[in-house]
Amino acid sequence: MTLTEENAALHEGREPIIRLVDIRKSYQMGDVVSQVLQGISFDIYPGEYVCIMGPSGCGKSTLLNVLGCLDQPTSGDYFLGGENVATLNDDDLSAARNRNLGFIFQSYNLIQQLTVLENIAVPMYYGGADDALMRRTAEKLARRVGLEHRMNHKPNELSGGQQQ
């Protein structure tokens, strides 16, 4: 049994949360076209942990930007939660991203005008949670990562590690 057959048997009857089919991404810089992603295909199932590794410049960040719906592939199909992301409008894409993805960006991307609690609550706000639930959940998450004494601080009042 091959690894592909073994993986198919393991996930029989389950739908992947992410499915990439022949994803390609190129950038044009003047007369030069740079092929960054060349035929990437794989599935990620709920509960799986995946590591994307490779040398500098091989396309890891580009692939993560495509996976996070921050950039679109030049060609190929990307299914997120069973939906082809190419067919989604901006609102539906935001909703699909909120339902199915979570990120920790290398540069944090915190909203400087918001407190720790408010930054934590942003995805819940877009998910339609009520204020009381957002506050309880944000407080619980802040405590879980040791920020209970910093909940009302702004990002510029935190260390780099605390921001992350």
Protein backbone atom coordinates (compact mmCIF):
# COMPACT_ATOMS: atom_id res chain seq x y z
CA MET A 1 0.00 0.00 0.00
CA THR A 2 1.42 3.40 -0.96
CA LEU A 3 1.42 6.40 1.35
CA THR A 4 -1.30 8.01 -0.80
CA GLU A 5 -3.47 4.87 -0.57
CA GLU A 6 -2.81 4.65 3.16
CA ASN A 7 -3.82 8.32 3.62
CA ALA A 8 -6.99 7.81 1.53
CA ALA A 9 -7.97 4.77 3.63
CA LEU A 10 -7.33 6.68 6.86
CA HIS A 11 -9.67 9.50 5.79
CA GLU A 12 -12.30 7.44 3.97
CA GLY A 13 -15.68 9.16 4.15
CA ARG A 14 -14.22 12.40 5.58
CA GLU A 15 -13.95 15.69 3.75
CA PRO A 16 -10.73 17.69 3.93
CA ILE A 17 -10.92 21.15 5.45
CA ILE A 18 -8.38 22.25 2.83
CA ARG A 19 -7.90 20.79 -0.63
CA LEU A 20 -5.37 22.18 -3.09
CA VAL A 21 -5.43 20.89 -6.66
CA ASP A 22 -2.56 21.82 -9.01
CA ILE A 23 -2.01 25.25 -7.42
CA ARG A 24 0.34 27.48 -9.37
CA LYS A 25 1.46 31.01 -8.59
CA SER A 26 3.65 33.23 -10.68
CA TYR A 27 4.71 36.85 -10.45
CA GLN A 28 5.64 39.08 -13.36
CA MET A 29 8.50 41.50 -12.78
CA GLY A 30 9.05 43.43 -15.99
CA ASP A 31 9.76 40.92 -18.73
CA VAL A 32 10.55 38.13 -16.27
CA VAL A 33 7.90 35.71 -15.00
CA SER A 34 8.84 33.99 -11.75
CA GLN A 35 7.09 30.64 -11.14
CA VAL A 36 6.86 30.40 -7.36
CA LEU A 37 4.34 27.58 -6.83
CA GLN A 38 4.34 24.82 -9.42
CA GLY A 39 1.52 22.29 -9.22
CA ILE A 40 0.97 22.03 -5.46
CA SER A 41 -1.72 19.47 -4.53
CA PHE A 42 -2.60 18.16 -1.08
CA ASP A 43 -5.43 17.73 1.41
CA ILE A 44 -5.54 18.73 5.07
CA TYR A 45 -8.15 17.03 7.25
CA PRO A 46 -9.67 18.39 10.47
CA GLY A 47 -7.39 17.74 13.42
CA GLU A 48 -4.24 17.27 11.35
CA TYR A 49 -1.05 19.20 11.99
CA VAL A 50 0.91 20.18 8.92
CA CYS A 51 4.40 21.62 8.64
CA ILE A 52 5.50 23.50 5.54
CA MET A 53 9.28 23.46 5.30
CA GLY A 54 11.89 24.46 2.78
CA PRO A 55 14.82 26.74 2.10
CA SER A 56 14.50 30.50 1.94
CA GLY A 57 12.82 31.66 -1.27
CA CYS A 58 11.13 28.35 -2.14
CA GLY A 59 7.55 29.67 -1.85
CA LYS A 60 6.53 28.86 1.74
CA SER A 61 5.17 32.35 2.44
CA THR A 62 3.45 32.47 -0.94
CA LEU A 63 1.77 29.14 -0.23
CA LEU A 64 0.67 30.33 3.23
CA ASN A 65 -0.73 33.52 1.70
CA VAL A 66 -2.77 31.40 -0.74
CA LEU A 67 -3.90 29.07 2.07
CA GLY A 68 -4.94 32.08 4.16
CA CYS A 69 -6.89 33.59 1.25
CA LEU A 70 -4.61 36.63 1.36
CA ASP A 71 -3.48 35.98 -2.23
CA GLN A 72 -4.99 34.08 -5.14
CA PRO A 73 -3.26 31.38 -7.14
CA THR A 74 -2.52 32.01 -10.80
CA SER A 75 -4.25 28.71 -11.56
CA GLY A 76 -5.53 25.59 -9.83
CA ASP A 77 -8.36 24.99 -7.39
CA TYR A 78 -8.44 25.73 -3.67
CA PHE A 79 -11.32 24.34 -1.60
CA LEU A 80 -11.73 25.64 1.96
CA GLY A 81 -14.40 23.91 4.03
CA GLY A 82 -15.73 22.36 0.81
CA GLU A 83 -16.11 25.71 -0.98
CA ASN A 84 -14.05 26.74 -4.00
CA VAL A 85 -12.53 30.01 -2.79
CA ALA A 86 -12.36 31.37 -6.36
CA THR A 87 -16.17 31.50 -6.44
CA LEU A 88 -16.60 33.40 -3.14
CA ASN A 89 -17.26 37.14 -2.91
CA ASP A 90 -15.34 39.17 -0.31
CA ASP A 91 -17.96 38.74 2.44
CA ASP A 92 -18.28 34.97 1.90
CA LEU A 93 -14.49 34.64 1.73
CA SER A 94 -14.13 36.49 5.05
CA ALA A 95 -16.77 34.23 6.62
CA ALA A 96 -15.08 31.06 5.30
CA ARG A 97 -11.70 32.28 6.55
CA ASN A 98 -13.18 33.06 9.98
CA ARG A 99 -14.86 29.61 10.21
CA ASN A 100 -11.96 27.52 9.01
CA LEU A 101 -8.60 29.22 9.56
CA GLY A 102 -6.45 30.61 12.34
CA PHE A 103 -3.14 32.41 11.91
CA ILE A 104 -0.30 33.74 13.95
CA PHE A 105 1.46 36.18 11.66
CA GLN A 106 5.19 36.69 11.92
CA SER A 107 4.59 40.46 12.22
CA TYR A 108 1.60 40.11 14.63
CA ASN A 109 -0.79 42.41 12.65
CA LEU A 110 -2.46 43.71 15.79
CA ILE A 111 -4.76 46.70 15.55
CA GLN A 112 -2.82 49.40 17.39
CA GLN A 113 -5.91 51.36 18.50
CA LEU A 114 -7.47 48.31 20.22
CA THR A 115 -6.66 46.75 23.59
CA VAL A 116 -5.46 43.17 24.05
CA LEU A 117 -9.05 42.06 24.78
CA GLU A 118 -10.42 43.90 21.76
CA ASN A 119 -7.76 42.42 19.44
CA ILE A 120 -8.57 38.92 20.71
CA ALA A 121 -12.29 39.55 20.16
CA VAL A 122 -12.00 40.75 16.53
CA PRO A 123 -12.55 37.30 14.90
CA MET A 124 -15.50 36.62 17.22
CA TYR A 125 -17.03 39.98 16.26
CA TYR A 126 -16.88 39.02 12.59
CA GLY A 127 -18.32 35.62 13.52
CA GLY A 128 -21.40 37.33 14.99
CA ALA A 129 -20.79 36.54 18.68
CA ASP A 130 -22.58 38.68 21.26
CA ASP A 131 -20.60 41.14 23.41
CA ALA A 132 -20.81 39.12 26.64
CA LEU A 133 -19.53 35.94 24.97
CA MET A 134 -16.73 37.86 23.23
CA ARG A 135 -15.59 39.40 26.53
CA ARG A 136 -15.71 36.10 28.48
CA THR A 137 -13.86 34.22 25.76
CA ALA A 138 -11.26 36.97 25.24
CA GLU A 139 -10.58 37.14 29.00
CA LYS A 140 -10.22 33.35 29.18
CA LEU A 141 -7.80 33.31 26.25
CA ALA A 142 -5.77 36.23 27.64
CA ARG A 143 -5.43 34.37 30.96
CA ARG A 144 -4.44 31.17 29.15
CA VAL A 145 -1.42 32.92 27.58
CA GLY A 146 -0.45 34.87 30.72
CA LEU A 147 -1.81 38.29 29.71
CA GLU A 148 -4.39 38.66 32.48
CA HIS A 149 -2.57 41.79 33.76
CA ARG A 150 -2.32 43.31 30.28
CA MET A 151 -5.89 42.90 28.99
CA ASN A 152 -6.54 46.64 28.74
CA HIS A 153 -3.14 47.53 27.28
CA LYS A 154 -2.57 48.54 23.67
CA PRO A 155 -0.11 46.59 21.48
CA ASN A 156 2.61 49.27 21.74
CA GLU A 157 2.59 48.71 25.53
CA LEU A 158 3.47 45.02 25.15
CA SER A 159 6.75 43.22 24.50
CA GLY A 160 7.24 41.42 21.19
CA GLY A 161 6.59 38.06 22.86
CA GLN A 162 3.41 39.34 24.49
CA GLN A 163 2.20 40.69 21.15
CA GLN A 164 2.75 37.32 19.53
